[in-house]
Amino acid sequence: MQDAFGIPQSLLVLGGSSEIALAIARRLVAHRTRTVLLAGRPSPRLDAAAAELRGLGADARTVAFDAEDTDSHEELLGKLFADGDIDMVLLAFGVLGDPEHDEERPQSAVRVARTNYTGALSAGLVCGQALRRQGHGTLAVLSSFAAVRARRGNFVYGSSKAGLDAFAQGLGDALYGTGARVMVVRPGFVRTRMTSGLTEAPLATDPDTVAAAVEHGLRRRRETVWVPGGLRLVAAALRLLPRPLFRRLTL
């Protein structure tokens, strides 16, 4: 169960080798989270993340999970929930893709959509149903500022995140009143390995700042978390910007 301050005792991370996910897990472990399941493709990085969390005092282990293998999600995730209640699921997997490559090679774009949207929809529905049966728990979905309005610079990625964001909001509405809930996290440009070498956008942030915002959102039972908070106003302005002007932006 979550404590009186909204911090989960148990955490399942889908996308366990993500830098942002690991920063969130570290912060929650520092505030009474005791059990962490890191689900992702087996790799030295995933093993190192679990070892780090064990060093901080958590009971952490890895689970083989492939976001694209949607046929396996129901059985795999069902077994994890059958082992005991999970207070929080962090859906943190995703790929950025290569904008120019994705536009020219549709199958490359399909992989972005399959991971960021189809895989997330599959895993999110399975976890949402499990949380509903428990009668408690939070599904935190790592969306993106890019979901606000798909931009010319990377519209394949932006459209996949827009789909994920809309799905997460709808699932949150479906779970309302059941004891389970969804929190949508929308960070802007985050300095990670995935964004290394890219031109840094305004209001850029880092994984630890995202982690602090997620913790604050849990404590306040937020439905939406913007990181940094000022992005909410930028998003409102972008939604209203006429399309001829919007397409000229280099964000």
Protein backbone atom coordinates (compact mmCIF):
# COMPACT_ATOMS: atom_id res chain seq x y z
CA MET A 1 0.00 0.00 0.00
CA GLN A 2 1.02 3.61 -0.44
CA ASP A 3 1.83 5.40 2.79
CA ALA A 4 -0.11 8.39 4.10
CA PHE A 5 2.08 10.66 1.97
CA GLY A 6 1.39 8.84 -1.31
CA ILE A 7 4.75 7.05 -1.54
CA PRO A 8 4.44 3.42 -2.74
CA GLN A 9 5.97 0.54 -0.82
CA SER A 10 6.30 -1.52 -4.01
CA LEU A 11 7.19 -0.32 -7.50
CA LEU A 12 7.14 -1.98 -10.93
CA VAL A 13 9.14 -0.15 -13.59
CA LEU A 14 8.39 -0.99 -17.22
CA GLY A 15 11.50 0.22 -18.98
CA GLY A 16 13.81 -0.48 -16.07
CA SER A 17 17.04 0.69 -17.71
CA SER A 18 15.67 4.18 -18.44
CA GLU A 19 17.74 6.94 -16.83
CA ILE A 20 14.58 8.83 -15.89
CA ALA A 21 12.98 5.70 -14.44
CA LEU A 22 16.07 4.92 -12.38
CA ALA A 23 16.18 8.48 -11.01
CA ILE A 24 12.52 8.14 -9.98
CA ALA A 25 13.16 4.74 -8.39
CA ARG A 26 16.15 6.08 -6.45
CA ARG A 27 14.11 8.95 -5.09
CA LEU A 28 11.20 6.72 -4.07
CA VAL A 29 13.54 4.22 -2.39
CA ALA A 30 14.93 7.12 -0.37
CA HIS A 31 11.33 7.76 0.79
CA ARG A 32 10.24 4.30 1.99
CA THR A 33 9.72 2.33 -1.24
CA ARG A 34 11.08 -1.11 -0.36
CA THR A 35 10.41 -3.45 -3.30
CA VAL A 36 11.36 -2.60 -6.89
CA LEU A 37 10.85 -4.73 -9.99
CA LEU A 38 12.82 -3.49 -12.98
CA ALA A 39 11.26 -4.89 -16.14
CA GLY A 40 13.09 -4.55 -19.43
CA ARG A 41 15.22 -6.28 -22.01
CA PRO A 42 18.05 -8.16 -20.24
CA SER A 43 21.23 -6.10 -20.31
CA PRO A 44 24.20 -5.18 -18.10
CA ARG A 45 22.60 -1.75 -17.63
CA LEU A 46 19.41 -3.29 -16.24
CA ASP A 47 21.42 -5.49 -13.87
CA ALA A 48 23.50 -2.49 -12.75
CA ALA A 49 20.33 -0.49 -12.02
CA ALA A 50 18.99 -3.28 -9.79
CA ALA A 51 22.35 -3.55 -8.00
CA GLU A 52 22.37 0.18 -7.36
CA LEU A 53 18.89 0.08 -5.82
CA ARG A 54 19.85 -2.89 -3.65
CA GLY A 55 22.78 -0.83 -2.44
CA LEU A 56 20.30 1.84 -1.35
CA GLY A 57 18.38 -0.69 0.73
CA ALA A 58 15.65 -1.86 -1.66
CA ASP A 59 14.71 -5.43 -2.51
CA ALA A 60 15.31 -4.98 -6.24
CA ARG A 61 15.25 -7.56 -9.00
CA THR A 62 15.04 -7.64 -12.78
CA VAL A 63 12.32 -9.11 -14.99
CA ALA A 64 12.66 -9.83 -18.71
CA PHE A 65 10.13 -7.66 -20.53
CA ASP A 66 9.82 -6.59 -24.17
CA ALA A 67 7.49 -3.66 -24.87
CA GLU A 68 7.07 -4.74 -28.49
CA ASP A 69 6.10 -8.32 -27.63
CA THR A 70 2.51 -7.47 -26.78
CA ASP A 71 1.43 -11.14 -26.93
CA SER A 72 3.46 -11.77 -23.76
CA HIS A 73 2.22 -8.85 -21.70
CA GLU A 74 -0.91 -10.32 -20.18
CA GLU A 75 0.77 -13.50 -18.94
CA LEU A 76 4.02 -11.88 -17.79
CA LEU A 77 2.51 -8.90 -16.01
CA GLY A 78 -0.29 -11.04 -14.61
CA LYS A 79 2.29 -13.26 -12.90
CA LEU A 80 3.97 -10.23 -11.33
CA PHE A 81 0.70 -9.00 -9.85
CA ALA A 82 -0.17 -12.55 -8.72
CA ASP A 83 2.97 -12.53 -6.53
CA GLY A 84 1.53 -9.67 -4.46
CA ASP A 85 0.02 -6.20 -4.69
CA ILE A 86 2.00 -3.57 -6.59
CA ASP A 87 1.45 -0.02 -5.34
CA MET A 88 2.86 1.81 -8.36
CA VAL A 89 3.62 0.98 -11.97
CA LEU A 90 5.94 3.36 -13.81
CA LEU A 91 5.52 3.07 -17.59
CA ALA A 92 8.81 4.52 -18.76
CA PHE A 93 9.85 2.74 -21.94
CA GLY A 94 10.07 4.51 -25.28
CA VAL A 95 12.28 5.29 -28.26
CA LEU A 96 13.07 8.64 -29.83
CA GLY A 97 13.76 7.34 -33.31
CA ASP A 98 15.60 9.19 -36.08
CA PRO A 99 13.34 11.83 -37.69
CA GLU A 100 14.90 11.82 -41.14
CA HIS A 101 15.32 8.05 -41.23
CA ASP A 102 11.77 7.45 -39.97
CA GLU A 103 10.22 9.69 -42.64
CA GLU A 104 12.02 7.87 -45.43
CA ARG A 105 11.58 4.32 -44.11
CA PRO A 106 8.03 3.62 -42.90
CA GLN A 107 9.02 0.40 -41.12
CA SER A 108 11.37 2.40 -38.93
CA ALA A 109 8.52 4.75 -38.07
CA VAL A 110 6.31 1.76 -37.31
CA ARG A 111 8.82 0.57 -34.71
CA VAL A 112 8.60 3.95 -32.96
CA ALA A 113 4.81 3.72 -32.90
CA ARG A 114 4.85 0.05 -31.87
CA THR A 115 7.05 0.79 -28.85
CA ASN A 116 5.77 4.19 -27.76
CA TYR A 117 2.07 3.61 -28.35
CA THR A 118 1.03 0.03 -29.09
CA GLY A 119 3.34 -1.50 -26.49
CA ALA A 120 2.32 1.11 -23.93
CA LEU A 121 -1.38 0.60 -24.66
CA SER A 122 -1.02 -3.15 -24.17
CA ALA A 123 1.01 -2.98 -20.95
CA GLY A 124 -1.04 -0.06 -19.64
CA LEU A 125 -4.35 -1.89 -20.05
CA VAL A 126 -3.03 -5.03 -18.35
CA CYS A 127 -1.63 -3.03 -15.43
CA GLY A 128 -4.72 -0.84 -15.20
CA GLN A 129 -6.95 -3.90 -14.90
CA ALA A 130 -4.69 -5.38 -12.23
CA LEU A 131 -4.68 -2.15 -10.22
CA ARG A 132 -8.46 -1.99 -10.50
CA ARG A 133 -8.75 -5.52 -9.07
CA GLN A 134 -6.44 -4.54 -6.21
CA GLY A 135 -8.56 -1.51 -5.48
CA HIS A 136 -5.51 0.73 -5.12
CA GLY A 137 -2.33 1.81 -6.86
CA THR A 138 -0.95 4.37 -9.31
CA LEU A 139 0.02 3.93 -12.94
CA ALA A 140 2.48 6.73 -13.73
CA VAL A 141 2.89 7.17 -17.48
CA LEU A 142 5.96 8.94 -18.80
CA SER A 143 4.55 11.00 -21.67
CA SER A 144 6.27 14.04 -23.17
CA PHE A 145 5.85 17.71 -23.94
CA ALA A 146 6.05 16.52 -27.56
CA ALA A 147 2.58 15.04 -27.10
CA VAL A 148 1.03 18.51 -26.96
CA ARG A 149 1.28 19.06 -30.71
CA ALA A 150 3.37 17.05 -33.16
CA ARG A 151 6.09 19.28 -34.54
CA ARG A 152 7.72 19.16 -37.99
CA GLY A 153 11.10 18.30 -36.51
CA ASN A 154 9.99 14.91 -35.17
CA PHE A 155 6.32 14.34 -35.92
CA VAL A 156 6.56 10.53 -35.87
CA TYR A 157 7.78 10.55 -32.27
CA GLY A 158 5.41 13.38 -31.33
CA SER A 159 2.39 11.60 -32.78
CA SER A 160 3.26 8.38 -30.93
CA LYS A 161 3.51 10.29 -27.66
CA ALA A 162 0.27 12.14 -28.41
CA GLY A 163 -1.44 8.77 -28.77
CA LEU A 164 0.10 7.54 -25.52
CA ASP A 165 -0.95 10.71 -23.70
CA ALA A 166 -4.55 10.48 -24.90
CA PHE A 167 -4.69 6.79 -23.96
CA ALA A 168 -3.33 7.48 -20.47
CA GLN A 169 -5.90 10.21 -19.86
CA GLY A 170 -8.71 7.93 -21.01
CA LEU A 171 -7.50 5.08 -18.83
CA GLY A 172 -7.37 7.47 -15.88
CA ASP A 173 -11.00 8.38 -16.48
CA ALA A 174 -11.92 4.69 -16.76
CA LEU A 175 -10.26 3.95 -13.41
CA TYR A 176 -11.75 6.94 -11.61
CA GLY A 177 -13.53 5.87 -8.44
CA THR A 178 -11.97 2.37 -8.35
CA GLY A 179 -9.14 3.20 -5.97
CA ALA A 180 -6.62 2.92 -8.81
CA ARG A 181 -5.45 6.00 -10.66
CA VAL A 182 -3.29 7.27 -13.53
CA MET A 183 -0.76 10.10 -13.35
CA VAL A 184 0.49 11.48 -16.67
CA VAL A 185 4.02 12.95 -16.53
CA ARG A 186 4.95 15.39 -19.31
CA PRO A 187 8.61 16.41 -19.19
CA GLY A 188 10.18 18.65 -21.77
CA PHE A 189 13.69 18.07 -23.11
CA VAL A 190 15.50 15.83 -20.61
CA ARG A 191 19.29 15.50 -20.68
CA THR A 192 19.86 11.74 -21.04
CA ARG A 193 21.78 9.31 -23.21
CA MET A 194 18.81 9.24 -25.59
CA THR A 195 18.99 13.00 -26.21
CA SER A 196 22.79 13.24 -26.22
CA GLY A 197 23.97 15.20 -29.24
CA LEU A 198 20.62 16.86 -29.87
CA THR A 199 20.15 20.62 -29.72
CA GLU A 200 18.90 21.41 -26.24
CA ALA A 201 15.41 22.92 -26.15
CA PRO A 202 14.34 25.80 -23.88
CA LEU A 203 13.36 24.82 -20.32
CA ALA A 204 15.49 21.68 -20.54
CA THR A 205 15.68 19.56 -17.41
CA ASP A 206 17.37 16.43 -16.03
CA PRO A 207 16.25 13.04 -14.66
CA ASP A 208 16.57 14.06 -11.01
CA THR A 209 14.28 17.05 -11.54
CA VAL A 210 11.72 14.78 -13.20
CA ALA A 211 12.00 12.41 -10.24
CA ALA A 212 11.36 15.21 -7.76
CA ALA A 213 8.30 16.32 -9.74
CA VAL A 214 6.93 12.76 -9.81
CA GLU A 215 7.35 12.44 -6.05
CA HIS A 216 5.55 15.75 -5.56
CA GLY A 217 2.78 14.61 -7.91
CA LEU A 218 2.31 11.39 -5.94
CA ARG A 219 2.11 13.26 -2.65
CA ARG A 220 -0.46 15.70 -4.09
CA ARG A 221 -2.33 12.99 -6.04
CA ARG A 222 -1.93 14.92 -9.29
CA GLU A 223 -3.44 13.65 -12.52
CA THR A 224 -0.92 15.57 -14.64
CA VAL A 225 2.66 16.59 -13.89
CA TRP A 226 4.56 19.05 -16.11
CA VAL A 227 8.36 19.19 -15.82
CA PRO A 228 9.23 21.99 -15.42
CA GLY A 229 5.91 23.48 -14.39
CA GLY A 230 6.28 26.42 -16.76
CA LEU A 231 5.75 24.11 -19.73
CA ARG A 232 2.03 24.14 -18.98
CA LEU A 233 1.83 27.76 -20.18
CA VAL A 234 4.00 27.06 -23.22
CA ALA A 235 1.73 24.15 -24.14
CA ALA A 236 -1.36 26.33 -23.88
CA ALA A 237 0.21 28.86 -26.24
CA LEU A 238 1.28 26.21 -28.77
CA ARG A 239 -2.22 24.76 -28.92
CA LEU A 240 -3.58 28.17 -29.95
CA LEU A 241 -0.84 29.04 -32.45
CA PRO A 242 -2.13 29.14 -36.06
CA ARG A 243 -0.80 26.27 -38.11
CA PRO A 244 1.13 28.40 -40.68
CA LEU A 245 3.11 29.89 -37.79
CA PHE A 246 3.44 26.62 -35.89
CA ARG A 247 5.03 24.77 -38.81
CA ARG A 248 7.78 27.40 -38.95
CA LEU A 249 8.87 26.79 -35.36
CA THR A 250 12.25 25.10 -34.89
CA LEU A 251 11.48 23.73 -31.40
